[in-house]
Amino acid sequence: MDQVGNTILDRFSAVLLDMNSTFMFDEDRFGPEHDYAATYQSFGGALSTERADALIVACYERLDTLYLDPARHDSFPTVKETLRSLPGAGELSEAELERLEQTFAAHELGRVPEEYAAALKRLAATHRLALVADVWAQKEPWLK
């Protein structure tokens, strides 16, 4: 960091950071060009390609709709709850639901470039860091 940045940051004991597109990039990979079934199968999933893709798309579309509803900001469902509520998902085993949730998380999760990670580590040595993260899947993949 340059001298100006250090002077400004030195006035604060803590720094609040937004995650997506600030230091994590290529996140939220949801769209027709993404192969959810391949990701799902990499986690050992046994559903057909069509079914796995359809469940991830339906889950994303449901959560995207709820995300825009201010009444749901304090009662937002988990990815697994949303998957469970989808038509035809009632017979899925807990293991399959977990694989689908892992798939969703893998497509929601981005990457932190090495130079950004190094800058964050330097900043963490002198400041308390706080993170704003608006993710839908469980937090464990982001913690890693």
Protein backbone atom coordinates (compact mmCIF):
# COMPACT_ATOMS: atom_id res chain seq x y z
CA MET A 1 0.00 0.00 0.00
CA ASP A 2 1.16 3.51 -0.66
CA GLN A 3 1.84 6.17 1.96
CA VAL A 4 -1.49 7.94 1.37
CA GLY A 5 -3.42 4.70 1.88
CA ASN A 6 -1.54 3.95 5.11
CA THR A 7 -2.16 7.45 6.44
CA ILE A 8 -5.90 7.16 5.89
CA LEU A 9 -6.15 3.62 7.26
CA ASP A 10 -4.00 4.40 10.28
CA ARG A 11 -6.82 6.55 11.60
CA PHE A 12 -8.93 3.41 12.09
CA SER A 13 -8.48 0.30 14.22
CA ALA A 14 -10.83 -1.75 12.05
CA VAL A 15 -11.53 -1.94 8.34
CA LEU A 16 -14.87 -3.09 6.91
CA LEU A 17 -14.52 -4.77 3.53
CA ASP A 18 -17.08 -5.84 0.96
CA MET A 19 -16.13 -9.19 -0.52
CA ASN A 20 -17.59 -9.68 -3.99
CA SER A 21 -15.86 -7.79 -6.78
CA THR A 22 -13.77 -5.91 -4.20
CA PHE A 23 -11.19 -8.59 -3.42
CA MET A 24 -13.01 -11.72 -4.63
CA PHE A 25 -13.68 -12.01 -8.34
CA ASP A 26 -15.39 -14.36 -10.81
CA GLU A 27 -18.13 -15.06 -8.27
CA ASP A 28 -21.81 -15.79 -8.89
CA ARG A 29 -21.28 -17.99 -11.93
CA PHE A 30 -24.93 -18.69 -12.66
CA GLY A 31 -26.08 -18.69 -16.26
CA PRO A 32 -26.58 -20.92 -19.28
CA GLU A 33 -22.83 -21.07 -20.00
CA HIS A 34 -22.07 -22.80 -16.67
CA ASP A 35 -22.00 -26.57 -16.27
CA TYR A 36 -23.59 -27.25 -12.88
CA ALA A 37 -23.84 -30.98 -13.55
CA ALA A 38 -20.07 -31.30 -14.05
CA THR A 39 -19.48 -29.52 -10.74
CA TYR A 40 -22.12 -31.67 -9.04
CA GLN A 41 -20.62 -34.87 -10.46
CA SER A 42 -17.16 -33.81 -9.23
CA PHE A 43 -18.66 -34.01 -5.71
CA GLY A 44 -19.82 -37.59 -6.38
CA GLY A 45 -23.41 -36.81 -7.35
CA ALA A 46 -25.48 -39.50 -9.04
CA LEU A 47 -28.38 -37.50 -10.48
CA SER A 48 -28.65 -37.12 -14.24
CA THR A 49 -27.04 -34.10 -15.87
CA GLU A 50 -30.46 -32.69 -16.74
CA ARG A 51 -31.84 -33.12 -13.22
CA ALA A 52 -28.80 -31.65 -11.48
CA ASP A 53 -28.79 -28.65 -13.83
CA ALA A 54 -32.54 -28.13 -13.44
CA LEU A 55 -32.36 -28.21 -9.63
CA ILE A 56 -29.51 -25.70 -9.45
CA VAL A 57 -31.23 -23.36 -11.94
CA ALA A 58 -34.56 -23.61 -10.09
CA CYS A 59 -32.87 -23.00 -6.73
CA TYR A 60 -31.03 -19.95 -8.06
CA GLU A 61 -34.18 -18.52 -9.66
CA ARG A 62 -36.18 -18.98 -6.44
CA LEU A 63 -33.48 -17.37 -4.29
CA ASP A 64 -33.02 -14.53 -6.78
CA THR A 65 -36.73 -13.75 -6.59
CA LEU A 66 -36.73 -13.85 -2.79
CA TYR A 67 -33.59 -11.69 -2.64
CA LEU A 68 -35.48 -8.83 -4.28
CA ASP A 69 -38.32 -9.03 -1.72
CA PRO A 70 -37.61 -6.66 1.22
CA ALA A 71 -39.97 -8.70 3.40
CA ARG A 72 -37.57 -11.67 3.12
CA HIS A 73 -34.37 -9.88 4.16
CA ASP A 74 -34.70 -11.17 7.72
CA SER A 75 -36.13 -14.57 6.82
CA PHE A 76 -34.09 -15.73 3.87
CA PRO A 77 -34.01 -19.52 3.33
CA THR A 78 -30.83 -21.53 3.06
CA VAL A 79 -29.83 -23.12 -0.23
CA LYS A 80 -30.65 -26.55 1.19
CA GLU A 81 -34.10 -25.42 2.40
CA THR A 82 -34.77 -23.99 -1.04
CA LEU A 83 -33.62 -27.17 -2.78
CA ARG A 84 -35.86 -29.24 -0.48
CA SER A 85 -38.86 -27.07 -1.37
CA LEU A 86 -38.52 -27.55 -5.13
CA PRO A 87 -41.04 -29.78 -6.92
CA GLY A 88 -39.77 -33.35 -7.12
CA ALA A 89 -36.93 -32.79 -4.65
CA GLY A 90 -38.68 -34.45 -1.71
CA GLU A 91 -37.24 -37.88 -2.48
CA LEU A 92 -33.64 -36.68 -2.58
CA SER A 93 -31.38 -38.07 0.12
CA GLU A 94 -29.61 -35.78 2.56
CA ALA A 95 -26.32 -36.69 0.83
CA GLU A 96 -27.66 -35.59 -2.57
CA LEU A 97 -28.99 -32.33 -1.10
CA GLU A 98 -25.55 -31.68 0.38
CA ARG A 99 -23.87 -32.32 -2.98
CA LEU A 100 -26.29 -29.94 -4.67
CA GLU A 101 -25.61 -27.35 -1.98
CA GLN A 102 -21.85 -27.80 -2.53
CA THR A 103 -22.45 -27.31 -6.24
CA PHE A 104 -24.36 -24.10 -5.63
CA ALA A 105 -21.62 -22.83 -3.32
CA ALA A 106 -18.91 -23.67 -5.86
CA HIS A 107 -20.67 -21.52 -8.45
CA GLU A 108 -21.35 -18.70 -5.99
CA LEU A 109 -17.76 -18.66 -4.71
CA GLY A 110 -15.16 -16.60 -6.51
CA ARG A 111 -11.39 -16.39 -6.28
CA VAL A 112 -9.10 -14.07 -4.36
CA PRO A 113 -6.03 -13.20 -6.45
CA GLU A 114 -2.70 -13.79 -4.67
CA GLU A 115 -1.79 -10.09 -4.61
CA TYR A 116 -5.14 -9.25 -2.98
CA ALA A 117 -4.69 -12.04 -0.41
CA ALA A 118 -1.20 -10.72 0.39
CA ALA A 119 -2.55 -7.17 0.82
CA LEU A 120 -5.29 -8.46 3.14
CA LYS A 121 -2.74 -10.35 5.23
CA ARG A 122 -0.61 -7.20 5.55
CA LEU A 123 -3.66 -5.20 6.54
CA ALA A 124 -4.75 -7.86 9.05
CA ALA A 125 -1.39 -7.50 10.80
CA THR A 126 -2.23 -3.90 11.75
CA HIS A 127 -6.03 -3.72 11.71
CA ARG A 128 -9.03 -5.71 12.71
CA LEU A 129 -10.82 -6.78 9.54
CA ALA A 130 -14.57 -7.16 9.14
CA LEU A 131 -16.31 -8.54 6.11
CA VAL A 132 -19.64 -7.83 4.44
CA ALA A 133 -20.62 -10.92 2.50
CA ASP A 134 -24.02 -11.46 1.00
CA VAL A 135 -23.74 -15.13 0.10
CA TRP A 136 -26.57 -17.62 -0.16
CA ALA A 137 -24.74 -20.89 0.43
CA GLN A 138 -23.20 -21.96 3.73
CA LYS A 139 -20.13 -19.95 4.74
CA GLU A 140 -17.58 -22.78 5.04
CA PRO A 141 -16.29 -22.57 1.43
CA TRP A 142 -15.64 -18.84 1.87
CA LEU A 143 -13.83 -19.36 5.15
CA LYS A 144 -11.39 -21.70 3.43
